[in-house]
Amino acid sequence: MLSGHDLQLVYRDAAHEVRAVDGVSIDVAEGEFIGLLGPSGSGKSSLLYLLAGLKAPTGGSASFAGQTYAALSRDALAGFRRSNFGF
C-alpha cells in the first residue's frame, strides 16, 4: 500500500507562501491504477514527489509497504526508492 496522510508541501520566501500540497490523504492498494488530473500548477507533480519520497513533506507523512519515509536515513531512503519506484 502506498499511503499519504495529511500531506503538506509549503514553499516560502520572505514575501510569499505557496501551498503546493495542502492536507492531501490518499491510499493506493497494490495493483490499483490511479490518475491525477488538474490544471498546471495544481500540485500533481509535487504530490507524486512526496509519495515517492523524492521530497520531504512540510507536514503529514508518506509510506510504502508499511515503511514510513521519515524513519529512514537519507541513504536508506535512496536505496528504498531505487528498489521500489521509477519515474
N, C-alpha and C. Protein backbone atom coordinates (compact mmCIF):
# COMPACT_ATOMS: atom_id res chain seq x y z
N MET A 1 0.84 -1.18 0.00
CA MET A 1 0.00 0.00 0.00
C MET A 1 0.89 1.24 0.00
N LEU A 2 0.57 2.16 -0.87
CA LEU A 2 1.20 3.48 -0.91
C LEU A 2 0.25 4.43 -0.22
N SER A 3 0.74 5.14 0.80
CA SER A 3 -0.14 5.98 1.61
C SER A 3 0.45 7.35 1.85
N GLY A 4 -0.42 8.32 1.87
CA GLY A 4 -0.08 9.67 2.30
C GLY A 4 -1.16 10.12 3.27
N HIS A 5 -0.76 10.69 4.38
CA HIS A 5 -1.72 11.14 5.38
C HIS A 5 -1.49 12.62 5.67
N ASP A 6 -2.49 13.44 5.38
CA ASP A 6 -2.45 14.88 5.64
C ASP A 6 -1.18 15.52 5.08
N LEU A 7 -0.80 15.12 3.86
CA LEU A 7 0.44 15.63 3.25
C LEU A 7 0.36 17.12 2.96
N GLN A 8 1.45 17.80 3.29
CA GLN A 8 1.56 19.23 3.03
C GLN A 8 2.95 19.51 2.48
N LEU A 9 3.00 20.39 1.49
CA LEU A 9 4.27 20.87 0.96
C LEU A 9 4.13 22.36 0.75
N VAL A 10 4.86 23.12 1.54
CA VAL A 10 4.76 24.58 1.52
C VAL A 10 6.12 25.15 1.13
N TYR A 11 6.10 26.03 0.13
CA TYR A 11 7.30 26.77 -0.27
C TYR A 11 7.17 28.18 0.27
N ARG A 12 8.23 28.67 0.89
CA ARG A 12 8.19 30.02 1.47
C ARG A 12 9.42 30.81 1.05
N ASP A 13 9.22 32.11 0.88
CA ASP A 13 10.34 33.04 0.81
C ASP A 13 9.96 34.22 1.70
N ALA A 14 10.72 35.28 1.64
CA ALA A 14 10.50 36.39 2.56
C ALA A 14 9.10 37.01 2.43
N ALA A 15 8.54 36.99 1.21
CA ALA A 15 7.28 37.68 0.99
C ALA A 15 6.09 36.77 0.69
N HIS A 16 6.34 35.51 0.35
CA HIS A 16 5.25 34.66 -0.13
C HIS A 16 5.26 33.28 0.51
N GLU A 17 4.09 32.67 0.49
CA GLU A 17 3.94 31.28 0.90
C GLU A 17 3.05 30.61 -0.14
N VAL A 18 3.54 29.50 -0.69
CA VAL A 18 2.78 28.74 -1.68
C VAL A 18 2.52 27.35 -1.12
N ARG A 19 1.27 26.98 -1.02
CA ARG A 19 0.88 25.65 -0.54
C ARG A 19 0.69 24.75 -1.76
N ALA A 20 1.77 24.08 -2.16
CA ALA A 20 1.73 23.23 -3.34
C ALA A 20 0.86 22.00 -3.10
N VAL A 21 0.91 21.46 -1.89
CA VAL A 21 0.06 20.34 -1.46
C VAL A 21 -0.45 20.72 -0.08
N ASP A 22 -1.76 20.62 0.11
CA ASP A 22 -2.34 21.13 1.35
C ASP A 22 -3.34 20.14 1.95
N GLY A 23 -2.84 19.24 2.78
CA GLY A 23 -3.71 18.34 3.53
C GLY A 23 -4.27 17.17 2.73
N VAL A 24 -3.49 16.63 1.82
CA VAL A 24 -3.95 15.51 0.99
C VAL A 24 -3.71 14.18 1.71
N SER A 25 -4.74 13.34 1.72
CA SER A 25 -4.63 11.97 2.22
C SER A 25 -5.05 11.03 1.10
N ILE A 26 -4.27 9.95 0.92
CA ILE A 26 -4.54 9.01 -0.17
C ILE A 26 -3.97 7.64 0.20
N ASP A 27 -4.66 6.60 -0.20
CA ASP A 27 -4.19 5.22 -0.09
C ASP A 27 -4.33 4.58 -1.46
N VAL A 28 -3.27 3.96 -1.94
CA VAL A 28 -3.29 3.26 -3.22
C VAL A 28 -2.87 1.82 -2.96
N ALA A 29 -3.79 0.90 -3.21
CA ALA A 29 -3.53 -0.52 -2.96
C ALA A 29 -2.65 -1.11 -4.06
N GLU A 30 -1.95 -2.18 -3.72
CA GLU A 30 -1.12 -2.88 -4.70
C GLU A 30 -1.98 -3.30 -5.89
N GLY A 31 -1.51 -3.00 -7.10
CA GLY A 31 -2.22 -3.34 -8.31
C GLY A 31 -3.27 -2.32 -8.73
N GLU A 32 -3.55 -1.36 -7.88
CA GLU A 32 -4.54 -0.34 -8.20
C GLU A 32 -3.92 0.67 -9.16
N PHE A 33 -4.70 1.17 -10.09
CA PHE A 33 -4.25 2.15 -11.08
C PHE A 33 -5.02 3.43 -10.84
N ILE A 34 -4.31 4.55 -10.70
CA ILE A 34 -4.98 5.83 -10.47
C ILE A 34 -4.45 6.86 -11.47
N GLY A 35 -5.17 7.94 -11.60
CA GLY A 35 -4.73 9.08 -12.41
C GLY A 35 -4.88 10.35 -11.58
N LEU A 36 -3.96 11.27 -11.79
CA LEU A 36 -4.04 12.58 -11.13
C LEU A 36 -4.33 13.61 -12.21
N LEU A 37 -5.43 14.32 -12.06
CA LEU A 37 -5.83 15.32 -13.03
C LEU A 37 -5.93 16.67 -12.37
N GLY A 38 -5.55 17.71 -13.10
CA GLY A 38 -5.68 19.06 -12.61
C GLY A 38 -4.91 20.01 -13.50
N PRO A 39 -5.20 21.29 -13.38
CA PRO A 39 -4.50 22.27 -14.20
C PRO A 39 -3.03 22.40 -13.82
N SER A 40 -2.28 23.00 -14.71
CA SER A 40 -0.87 23.26 -14.44
C SER A 40 -0.73 24.06 -13.15
N GLY A 41 0.21 23.63 -12.31
CA GLY A 41 0.45 24.35 -11.06
C GLY A 41 -0.45 23.93 -9.90
N SER A 42 -1.25 22.87 -10.09
CA SER A 42 -2.18 22.48 -9.03
C SER A 42 -1.58 21.52 -8.01
N GLY A 43 -0.32 21.07 -8.22
CA GLY A 43 0.35 20.24 -7.22
C GLY A 43 0.44 18.76 -7.54
N LYS A 44 0.10 18.38 -8.76
CA LYS A 44 0.14 16.95 -9.14
C LYS A 44 1.54 16.37 -9.00
N SER A 45 2.51 17.01 -9.61
CA SER A 45 3.90 16.51 -9.54
C SER A 45 4.42 16.58 -8.12
N SER A 46 4.09 17.63 -7.40
CA SER A 46 4.53 17.76 -6.01
C SER A 46 3.99 16.61 -5.17
N LEU A 47 2.74 16.23 -5.38
CA LEU A 47 2.16 15.11 -4.65
C LEU A 47 2.90 13.82 -4.98
N LEU A 48 3.20 13.59 -6.26
CA LEU A 48 3.94 12.39 -6.65
C LEU A 48 5.33 12.36 -6.01
N TYR A 49 6.00 13.50 -5.96
CA TYR A 49 7.33 13.57 -5.33
C TYR A 49 7.24 13.19 -3.85
N LEU A 50 6.20 13.65 -3.17
CA LEU A 50 6.02 13.30 -1.76
C LEU A 50 5.75 11.82 -1.59
N LEU A 51 4.88 11.27 -2.42
CA LEU A 51 4.52 9.85 -2.31
C LEU A 51 5.68 8.92 -2.64
N ALA A 52 6.60 9.39 -3.49
CA ALA A 52 7.76 8.57 -3.86
C ALA A 52 8.97 8.83 -2.97
N GLY A 53 8.86 9.76 -2.03
CA GLY A 53 9.98 10.05 -1.14
C GLY A 53 11.04 10.92 -1.76
N LEU A 54 10.74 11.56 -2.89
CA LEU A 54 11.72 12.45 -3.54
C LEU A 54 11.79 13.80 -2.85
N LYS A 55 10.73 14.18 -2.19
CA LYS A 55 10.70 15.41 -1.38
C LYS A 55 10.14 15.05 -0.01
N ALA A 56 10.62 15.76 0.99
CA ALA A 56 10.09 15.57 2.35
C ALA A 56 8.91 16.53 2.55
N PRO A 57 7.82 16.04 3.11
CA PRO A 57 6.68 16.93 3.33
C PRO A 57 6.97 17.92 4.46
N THR A 58 6.34 19.10 4.38
CA THR A 58 6.43 20.05 5.48
C THR A 58 5.41 19.70 6.56
N GLY A 59 4.50 18.80 6.24
CA GLY A 59 3.53 18.29 7.20
C GLY A 59 2.98 16.97 6.72
N GLY A 60 2.51 16.15 7.64
CA GLY A 60 1.95 14.86 7.29
C GLY A 60 3.02 13.80 7.10
N SER A 61 2.62 12.65 6.54
CA SER A 61 3.56 11.55 6.36
C SER A 61 3.21 10.73 5.13
N ALA A 62 4.23 10.08 4.58
CA ALA A 62 4.06 9.19 3.43
C ALA A 62 4.73 7.87 3.75
N SER A 63 4.16 6.79 3.21
CA SER A 63 4.73 5.47 3.45
C SER A 63 4.42 4.54 2.28
N PHE A 64 5.24 3.50 2.18
CA PHE A 64 5.03 2.46 1.18
C PHE A 64 5.31 1.12 1.83
N ALA A 65 4.40 0.17 1.64
CA ALA A 65 4.55 -1.18 2.20
C ALA A 65 4.85 -1.14 3.70
N GLY A 66 4.21 -0.21 4.41
CA GLY A 66 4.37 -0.11 5.85
C GLY A 66 5.59 0.64 6.33
N GLN A 67 6.44 1.11 5.41
CA GLN A 67 7.66 1.83 5.78
C GLN A 67 7.43 3.33 5.64
N THR A 68 7.44 4.04 6.77
CA THR A 68 7.30 5.49 6.75
C THR A 68 8.64 6.11 6.37
N TYR A 69 8.62 7.00 5.40
CA TYR A 69 9.86 7.57 4.87
C TYR A 69 10.64 8.38 5.90
N ALA A 70 9.94 9.07 6.78
CA ALA A 70 10.61 9.92 7.77
C ALA A 70 11.50 9.11 8.71
N ALA A 71 11.23 7.81 8.83
CA ALA A 71 12.02 6.95 9.73
C ALA A 71 13.33 6.50 9.10
N LEU A 72 13.53 6.79 7.81
CA LEU A 72 14.72 6.32 7.11
C LEU A 72 15.79 7.41 7.02
N SER A 73 17.05 6.99 7.08
CA SER A 73 18.14 7.94 6.84
C SER A 73 18.13 8.32 5.36
N ARG A 74 18.88 9.34 5.01
CA ARG A 74 18.95 9.78 3.61
C ARG A 74 19.41 8.65 2.70
N ASP A 75 20.46 7.93 3.09
CA ASP A 75 20.97 6.82 2.28
C ASP A 75 19.98 5.67 2.20
N ALA A 76 19.34 5.35 3.32
CA ALA A 76 18.35 4.27 3.33
C ALA A 76 17.15 4.62 2.45
N LEU A 77 16.74 5.89 2.48
CA LEU A 77 15.63 6.33 1.65
C LEU A 77 15.99 6.23 0.17
N ALA A 78 17.22 6.60 -0.17
CA ALA A 78 17.66 6.49 -1.57
C ALA A 78 17.62 5.04 -2.03
N GLY A 79 18.08 4.12 -1.21
CA GLY A 79 18.03 2.70 -1.55
C GLY A 79 16.61 2.19 -1.65
N PHE A 80 15.75 2.66 -0.76
CA PHE A 80 14.35 2.27 -0.76
C PHE A 80 13.67 2.72 -2.05
N ARG A 81 13.94 3.98 -2.45
CA ARG A 81 13.37 4.50 -3.71
C ARG A 81 13.89 3.70 -4.90
N ARG A 82 15.18 3.43 -4.90
CA ARG A 82 15.80 2.70 -6.01
C ARG A 82 15.15 1.32 -6.18
N SER A 83 14.79 0.69 -5.08
CA SER A 83 14.20 -0.66 -5.13
C SER A 83 12.71 -0.67 -5.43
N ASN A 84 12.02 0.45 -5.16
CA ASN A 84 10.56 0.41 -5.21
C ASN A 84 9.88 1.37 -6.18
N PHE A 85 10.59 2.37 -6.68
CA PHE A 85 9.93 3.39 -7.51
C PHE A 85 10.71 3.64 -8.79
N GLY A 86 10.00 4.09 -9.81
CA GLY A 86 10.61 4.53 -11.05
C GLY A 86 9.76 5.63 -11.67
N PHE A 87 10.42 6.65 -12.15
CA PHE A 87 9.71 7.75 -12.82
C PHE A 87 10.17 7.82 -14.25
